[in-house]
Amino acid sequence: MADPLAQRLKHLIVETLRLEDVQPDQISDDEALIGSGLSLDSIDALELVVRLEREFGIKITTSEESKMALASISSLTAFVRDRADPARLA
């Protein structure tokens, strides 16, 4: 069964970045989000970080932290789960 948080993050990515040609279920959990994979660039990453901070009440303070969190859906799910207010994960 798919992780509900991972599914939510996939929808959030498609919605936030207005990825018209991508459906959330097409994004693999281990696919690279930046560069290859979805081919997101630094502007996309910034938009996504801002949305994640608002949505989950987390802070991504360095570019290294951002690269680690946005490596894949799996890494993003673990990052958000580890740092978010549990009430915002429901």
C-alpha atoms as a PDB file:
ATOM      1  CA  MET A   1       0.000   0.000   0.000  1.00  0.00           C
ATOM      2  CA  ALA A   2       1.299   3.448  -0.906  1.00  0.00           C
ATOM      3  CA  ASP A   3       2.456   5.783   1.857  1.00  0.00           C
ATOM      4  CA  PRO A   4      -0.243   8.477   2.258  1.00  0.00           C
ATOM      5  CA  LEU A   5       2.355  11.167   2.983  1.00  0.00           C
ATOM      6  CA  ALA A   6       4.333  10.261  -0.150  1.00  0.00           C
ATOM      7  CA  GLN A   7       1.117  10.457  -2.192  1.00  0.00           C
ATOM      8  CA  ARG A   8       0.290  13.837  -0.644  1.00  0.00           C
ATOM      9  CA  LEU A   9       3.784  15.120  -1.487  1.00  0.00           C
ATOM     10  CA  LYS A  10       3.479  13.950  -5.094  1.00  0.00           C
ATOM     11  CA  HIS A  11       0.194  15.835  -5.452  1.00  0.00           C
ATOM     12  CA  LEU A  12       1.741  18.890  -3.788  1.00  0.00           C
ATOM     13  CA  ILE A  13       4.680  18.848  -6.230  1.00  0.00           C
ATOM     14  CA  VAL A  14       2.445  18.560  -9.303  1.00  0.00           C
ATOM     15  CA  GLU A  15       0.112  21.292  -8.019  1.00  0.00           C
ATOM     16  CA  THR A  16       2.784  23.708  -6.786  1.00  0.00           C
ATOM     17  CA  LEU A  17       4.939  23.477  -9.897  1.00  0.00           C
ATOM     18  CA  ARG A  18       1.978  23.239 -12.277  1.00  0.00           C
ATOM     19  CA  LEU A  19       3.364  20.125 -13.967  1.00  0.00           C
ATOM     20  CA  GLU A  20       0.683  19.751 -16.621  1.00  0.00           C
ATOM     21  CA  ASP A  21       2.211  16.681 -18.269  1.00  0.00           C
ATOM     22  CA  VAL A  22       2.852  14.764 -15.035  1.00  0.00           C
ATOM     23  CA  GLN A  23       0.373  12.827 -12.936  1.00  0.00           C
ATOM     24  CA  PRO A  24       1.257  12.225  -9.262  1.00  0.00           C
ATOM     25  CA  ASP A  25       1.138   8.448  -9.725  1.00  0.00           C
ATOM     26  CA  GLN A  26       3.781   8.738 -12.476  1.00  0.00           C
ATOM     27  CA  ILE A  27       6.387   9.954  -9.970  1.00  0.00           C
ATOM     28  CA  SER A  28       8.472   7.108  -8.611  1.00  0.00           C
ATOM     29  CA  ASP A  29       9.387   7.210  -4.928  1.00  0.00           C
ATOM     30  CA  ASP A  30      13.080   6.826  -5.781  1.00  0.00           C
ATOM     31  CA  GLU A  31      13.177   9.051  -8.864  1.00  0.00           C
ATOM     32  CA  ALA A  32      15.475  12.087  -8.661  1.00  0.00           C
ATOM     33  CA  LEU A  33      13.455  15.281  -8.313  1.00  0.00           C
ATOM     34  CA  ILE A  34      16.179  17.801  -9.183  1.00  0.00           C
ATOM     35  CA  GLY A  35      18.176  17.652 -12.414  1.00  0.00           C
ATOM     36  CA  SER A  36      17.320  14.311 -13.977  1.00  0.00           C
ATOM     37  CA  GLY A  37      14.049  12.581 -13.185  1.00  0.00           C
ATOM     38  CA  LEU A  38      11.434  15.325 -13.056  1.00  0.00           C
ATOM     39  CA  SER A  39      14.033  17.805 -14.343  1.00  0.00           C
ATOM     40  CA  LEU A  40      13.229  20.386 -11.706  1.00  0.00           C
ATOM     41  CA  ASP A  41      15.580  23.343 -11.549  1.00  0.00           C
ATOM     42  CA  SER A  42      16.656  25.644  -8.706  1.00  0.00           C
ATOM     43  CA  ILE A  43      13.621  27.917  -9.135  1.00  0.00           C
ATOM     44  CA  ASP A  44      11.316  24.896  -8.888  1.00  0.00           C
ATOM     45  CA  ALA A  45      13.204  23.739  -5.793  1.00  0.00           C
ATOM     46  CA  LEU A  46      12.774  27.158  -4.170  1.00  0.00           C
ATOM     47  CA  GLU A  47       9.039  27.199  -4.912  1.00  0.00           C
ATOM     48  CA  LEU A  48       8.724  23.717  -3.501  1.00  0.00           C
ATOM     49  CA  VAL A  49      10.678  24.558  -0.330  1.00  0.00           C
ATOM     50  CA  VAL A  50       8.454  27.588   0.315  1.00  0.00           C
ATOM     51  CA  ARG A  51       5.322  25.467  -0.132  1.00  0.00           C
ATOM     52  CA  LEU A  52       6.651  22.687   2.121  1.00  0.00           C
ATOM     53  CA  GLU A  53       7.540  25.187   4.832  1.00  0.00           C
ATOM     54  CA  ARG A  54       4.036  26.679   4.711  1.00  0.00           C
ATOM     55  CA  GLU A  55       2.218  23.369   4.413  1.00  0.00           C
ATOM     56  CA  PHE A  56       4.070  21.435   7.108  1.00  0.00           C
ATOM     57  CA  GLY A  57       5.605  24.131   9.325  1.00  0.00           C
ATOM     58  CA  ILE A  58       9.146  22.919   8.666  1.00  0.00           C
ATOM     59  CA  LYS A  59      12.300  24.920   7.962  1.00  0.00           C
ATOM     60  CA  ILE A  60      14.841  24.044   5.316  1.00  0.00           C
ATOM     61  CA  THR A  61      17.690  26.372   6.169  1.00  0.00           C
ATOM     62  CA  THR A  62      20.625  25.422   3.944  1.00  0.00           C
ATOM     63  CA  SER A  63      21.143  24.408   0.348  1.00  0.00           C
ATOM     64  CA  GLU A  64      22.655  21.116   1.552  1.00  0.00           C
ATOM     65  CA  GLU A  65      19.519  20.401   3.581  1.00  0.00           C
ATOM     66  CA  SER A  66      17.410  21.231   0.538  1.00  0.00           C
ATOM     67  CA  LYS A  67      19.430  18.905  -1.708  1.00  0.00           C
ATOM     68  CA  MET A  68      19.119  16.101   0.832  1.00  0.00           C
ATOM     69  CA  ALA A  69      15.368  16.588   1.319  1.00  0.00           C
ATOM     70  CA  LEU A  70      14.586  16.987  -2.388  1.00  0.00           C
ATOM     71  CA  ALA A  71      16.695  14.059  -3.592  1.00  0.00           C
ATOM     72  CA  SER A  72      13.582  11.893  -4.131  1.00  0.00           C
ATOM     73  CA  ILE A  73      10.046  11.388  -2.879  1.00  0.00           C
ATOM     74  CA  SER A  74      11.380   8.824  -0.403  1.00  0.00           C
ATOM     75  CA  SER A  75      13.905  11.261   1.062  1.00  0.00           C
ATOM     76  CA  LEU A  76      11.353  14.087   1.089  1.00  0.00           C
ATOM     77  CA  THR A  77       8.800  11.893   2.864  1.00  0.00           C
ATOM     78  CA  ALA A  78      11.340  10.935   5.547  1.00  0.00           C
ATOM     79  CA  PHE A  79      12.461  14.563   5.935  1.00  0.00           C
ATOM     80  CA  VAL A  80       8.911  15.902   6.324  1.00  0.00           C
ATOM     81  CA  ARG A  81       7.858  13.077   8.643  1.00  0.00           C
ATOM     82  CA  ASP A  82      10.908  13.722  10.840  1.00  0.00           C
ATOM     83  CA  ARG A  83      10.476  17.500  11.102  1.00  0.00           C
ATOM     84  CA  ALA A  84       6.822  18.372  10.633  1.00  0.00           C
ATOM     85  CA  ASP A  85       4.301  19.006  13.344  1.00  0.00           C
ATOM     86  CA  PRO A  86       2.461  15.656  13.556  1.00  0.00           C
ATOM     87  CA  ALA A  87      -0.881  17.477  13.432  1.00  0.00           C
ATOM     88  CA  ARG A  88      -0.010  18.770   9.957  1.00  0.00           C
ATOM     89  CA  LEU A  89       0.696  15.289   8.628  1.00  0.00           C
ATOM     90  CA  ALA A  90      -2.900  14.105   8.975  1.00  0.00           C
END
